[in-house]
Amino acid sequence: MTTPFLSLAQIRNRLILTARAILRDHRPGPDGRCPICRIPECAVATAARNVLAAAEKVQQRSTATPLTTPDHDDPRQAE
């Protein structure tokens, strides 16, 4: 049972795990069609790929530090 006290990182990780499981289930067969949906372009797999792409963007954005230019008026940064 899940608790309502999940962190944002835990929610993101669960979304990623769910999207990966969906992609495993909806992997195209030898004929190029999804074995569950029976169509070539599976909307469920596309949505799972979009979730993974969005989660990757959030991860890149949150871990990147902004570039700073040295402030020559600040004595702590002056050399």
C-alpha atoms as a PDB file:
ATOM      1  CA  MET A   1       0.000   0.000   0.000  1.00  0.00           C
ATOM      2  CA  THR A   2       1.320   3.414  -0.843  1.00  0.00           C
ATOM      3  CA  THR A   3       1.219   6.355   1.481  1.00  0.00           C
ATOM      4  CA  PRO A   4       0.279   9.892   0.521  1.00  0.00           C
ATOM      5  CA  PHE A   5       3.691  11.046   1.720  1.00  0.00           C
ATOM      6  CA  LEU A   6       5.769  10.261  -1.357  1.00  0.00           C
ATOM      7  CA  SER A   7       8.457  12.682  -2.430  1.00  0.00           C
ATOM      8  CA  LEU A   8       8.516  14.069  -5.940  1.00  0.00           C
ATOM      9  CA  ALA A   9      11.526  11.887  -6.732  1.00  0.00           C
ATOM     10  CA  GLN A  10       9.622   8.776  -5.631  1.00  0.00           C
ATOM     11  CA  ILE A  11       6.630   9.714  -7.774  1.00  0.00           C
ATOM     12  CA  ARG A  12       8.935  10.335 -10.747  1.00  0.00           C
ATOM     13  CA  ASN A  13      10.637   6.960 -10.229  1.00  0.00           C
ATOM     14  CA  ARG A  14       7.298   5.153 -10.093  1.00  0.00           C
ATOM     15  CA  LEU A  15       6.181   6.840 -13.302  1.00  0.00           C
ATOM     16  CA  ILE A  16       9.403   5.751 -14.995  1.00  0.00           C
ATOM     17  CA  LEU A  17       9.039   2.151 -13.801  1.00  0.00           C
ATOM     18  CA  THR A  18       5.422   2.029 -14.974  1.00  0.00           C
ATOM     19  CA  ALA A  19       6.303   3.481 -18.386  1.00  0.00           C
ATOM     20  CA  ARG A  20       9.108   0.940 -18.828  1.00  0.00           C
ATOM     21  CA  ALA A  21       6.763  -1.927 -17.936  1.00  0.00           C
ATOM     22  CA  ILE A  22       4.216  -0.651 -20.466  1.00  0.00           C
ATOM     23  CA  LEU A  23       6.893  -0.474 -23.151  1.00  0.00           C
ATOM     24  CA  ARG A  24       7.903  -4.073 -22.406  1.00  0.00           C
ATOM     25  CA  ASP A  25       4.295  -5.217 -22.741  1.00  0.00           C
ATOM     26  CA  HIS A  26       3.637  -3.191 -25.893  1.00  0.00           C
ATOM     27  CA  ARG A  27       6.889  -4.034 -27.691  1.00  0.00           C
ATOM     28  CA  PRO A  28       6.202  -4.550 -31.417  1.00  0.00           C
ATOM     29  CA  GLY A  29       6.216  -8.146 -32.618  1.00  0.00           C
ATOM     30  CA  PRO A  30       7.952  -9.512 -35.727  1.00  0.00           C
ATOM     31  CA  ASP A  31       5.167  -8.130 -37.915  1.00  0.00           C
ATOM     32  CA  GLY A  32       5.701  -4.611 -36.479  1.00  0.00           C
ATOM     33  CA  ARG A  33       2.393  -4.538 -34.621  1.00  0.00           C
ATOM     34  CA  CYS A  34       1.792  -4.295 -30.908  1.00  0.00           C
ATOM     35  CA  PRO A  35       0.747  -7.734 -29.597  1.00  0.00           C
ATOM     36  CA  ILE A  36      -1.841  -6.210 -27.257  1.00  0.00           C
ATOM     37  CA  CYS A  37      -3.340  -3.432 -29.396  1.00  0.00           C
ATOM     38  CA  ARG A  38      -2.812  -5.185 -32.754  1.00  0.00           C
ATOM     39  CA  ILE A  39      -1.868  -1.926 -34.495  1.00  0.00           C
ATOM     40  CA  PRO A  40       1.471  -0.691 -35.881  1.00  0.00           C
ATOM     41  CA  GLU A  41       1.531   2.653 -34.016  1.00  0.00           C
ATOM     42  CA  CYS A  42       0.455   1.858 -30.462  1.00  0.00           C
ATOM     43  CA  ALA A  43      -0.866   4.957 -28.668  1.00  0.00           C
ATOM     44  CA  VAL A  44      -0.125   3.427 -25.271  1.00  0.00           C
ATOM     45  CA  ALA A  45       3.537   2.870 -26.125  1.00  0.00           C
ATOM     46  CA  THR A  46       3.762   6.387 -27.545  1.00  0.00           C
ATOM     47  CA  ALA A  47       2.369   7.814 -24.298  1.00  0.00           C
ATOM     48  CA  ALA A  48       4.878   5.764 -22.279  1.00  0.00           C
ATOM     49  CA  ARG A  49       7.733   7.078 -24.424  1.00  0.00           C
ATOM     50  CA  ASN A  50       6.480  10.634 -23.840  1.00  0.00           C
ATOM     51  CA  VAL A  51       6.437  10.041 -20.064  1.00  0.00           C
ATOM     52  CA  LEU A  52      10.041   8.792 -20.174  1.00  0.00           C
ATOM     53  CA  ALA A  53      11.122  11.769 -22.281  1.00  0.00           C
ATOM     54  CA  ALA A  54       9.423  14.217 -19.910  1.00  0.00           C
ATOM     55  CA  ALA A  55      10.986  12.544 -16.871  1.00  0.00           C
ATOM     56  CA  GLU A  56      14.426  12.775 -18.494  1.00  0.00           C
ATOM     57  CA  LYS A  57      13.936  16.489 -19.215  1.00  0.00           C
ATOM     58  CA  VAL A  58      12.982  17.143 -15.593  1.00  0.00           C
ATOM     59  CA  GLN A  59      16.041  15.216 -14.384  1.00  0.00           C
ATOM     60  CA  GLN A  60      18.381  17.164 -16.672  1.00  0.00           C
ATOM     61  CA  ARG A  61      16.858  20.476 -15.673  1.00  0.00           C
ATOM     62  CA  SER A  62      16.897  19.828 -11.943  1.00  0.00           C
ATOM     63  CA  THR A  63      20.497  18.611 -11.747  1.00  0.00           C
ATOM     64  CA  ALA A  64      21.992  21.260 -13.992  1.00  0.00           C
ATOM     65  CA  THR A  65      23.492  24.225 -12.234  1.00  0.00           C
ATOM     66  CA  PRO A  66      22.954  27.583 -13.861  1.00  0.00           C
ATOM     67  CA  LEU A  67      25.965  29.208 -15.430  1.00  0.00           C
ATOM     68  CA  THR A  68      27.115  32.247 -13.525  1.00  0.00           C
ATOM     69  CA  THR A  69      29.334  35.032 -14.690  1.00  0.00           C
ATOM     70  CA  PRO A  70      31.790  36.416 -12.180  1.00  0.00           C
ATOM     71  CA  ASP A  71      30.708  39.680 -10.600  1.00  0.00           C
ATOM     72  CA  HIS A  72      33.818  41.829 -10.460  1.00  0.00           C
ATOM     73  CA  ASP A  73      32.155  44.225  -8.016  1.00  0.00           C
ATOM     74  CA  ASP A  74      31.762  41.452  -5.432  1.00  0.00           C
ATOM     75  CA  PRO A  75      34.956  41.285  -3.331  1.00  0.00           C
ATOM     76  CA  ARG A  76      34.446  37.549  -2.661  1.00  0.00           C
ATOM     77  CA  GLN A  77      34.692  36.802  -6.399  1.00  0.00           C
ATOM     78  CA  ALA A  78      37.418  39.277  -7.310  1.00  0.00           C
ATOM     79  CA  GLU A  79      40.844  37.835  -7.777  1.00  0.00           C
END
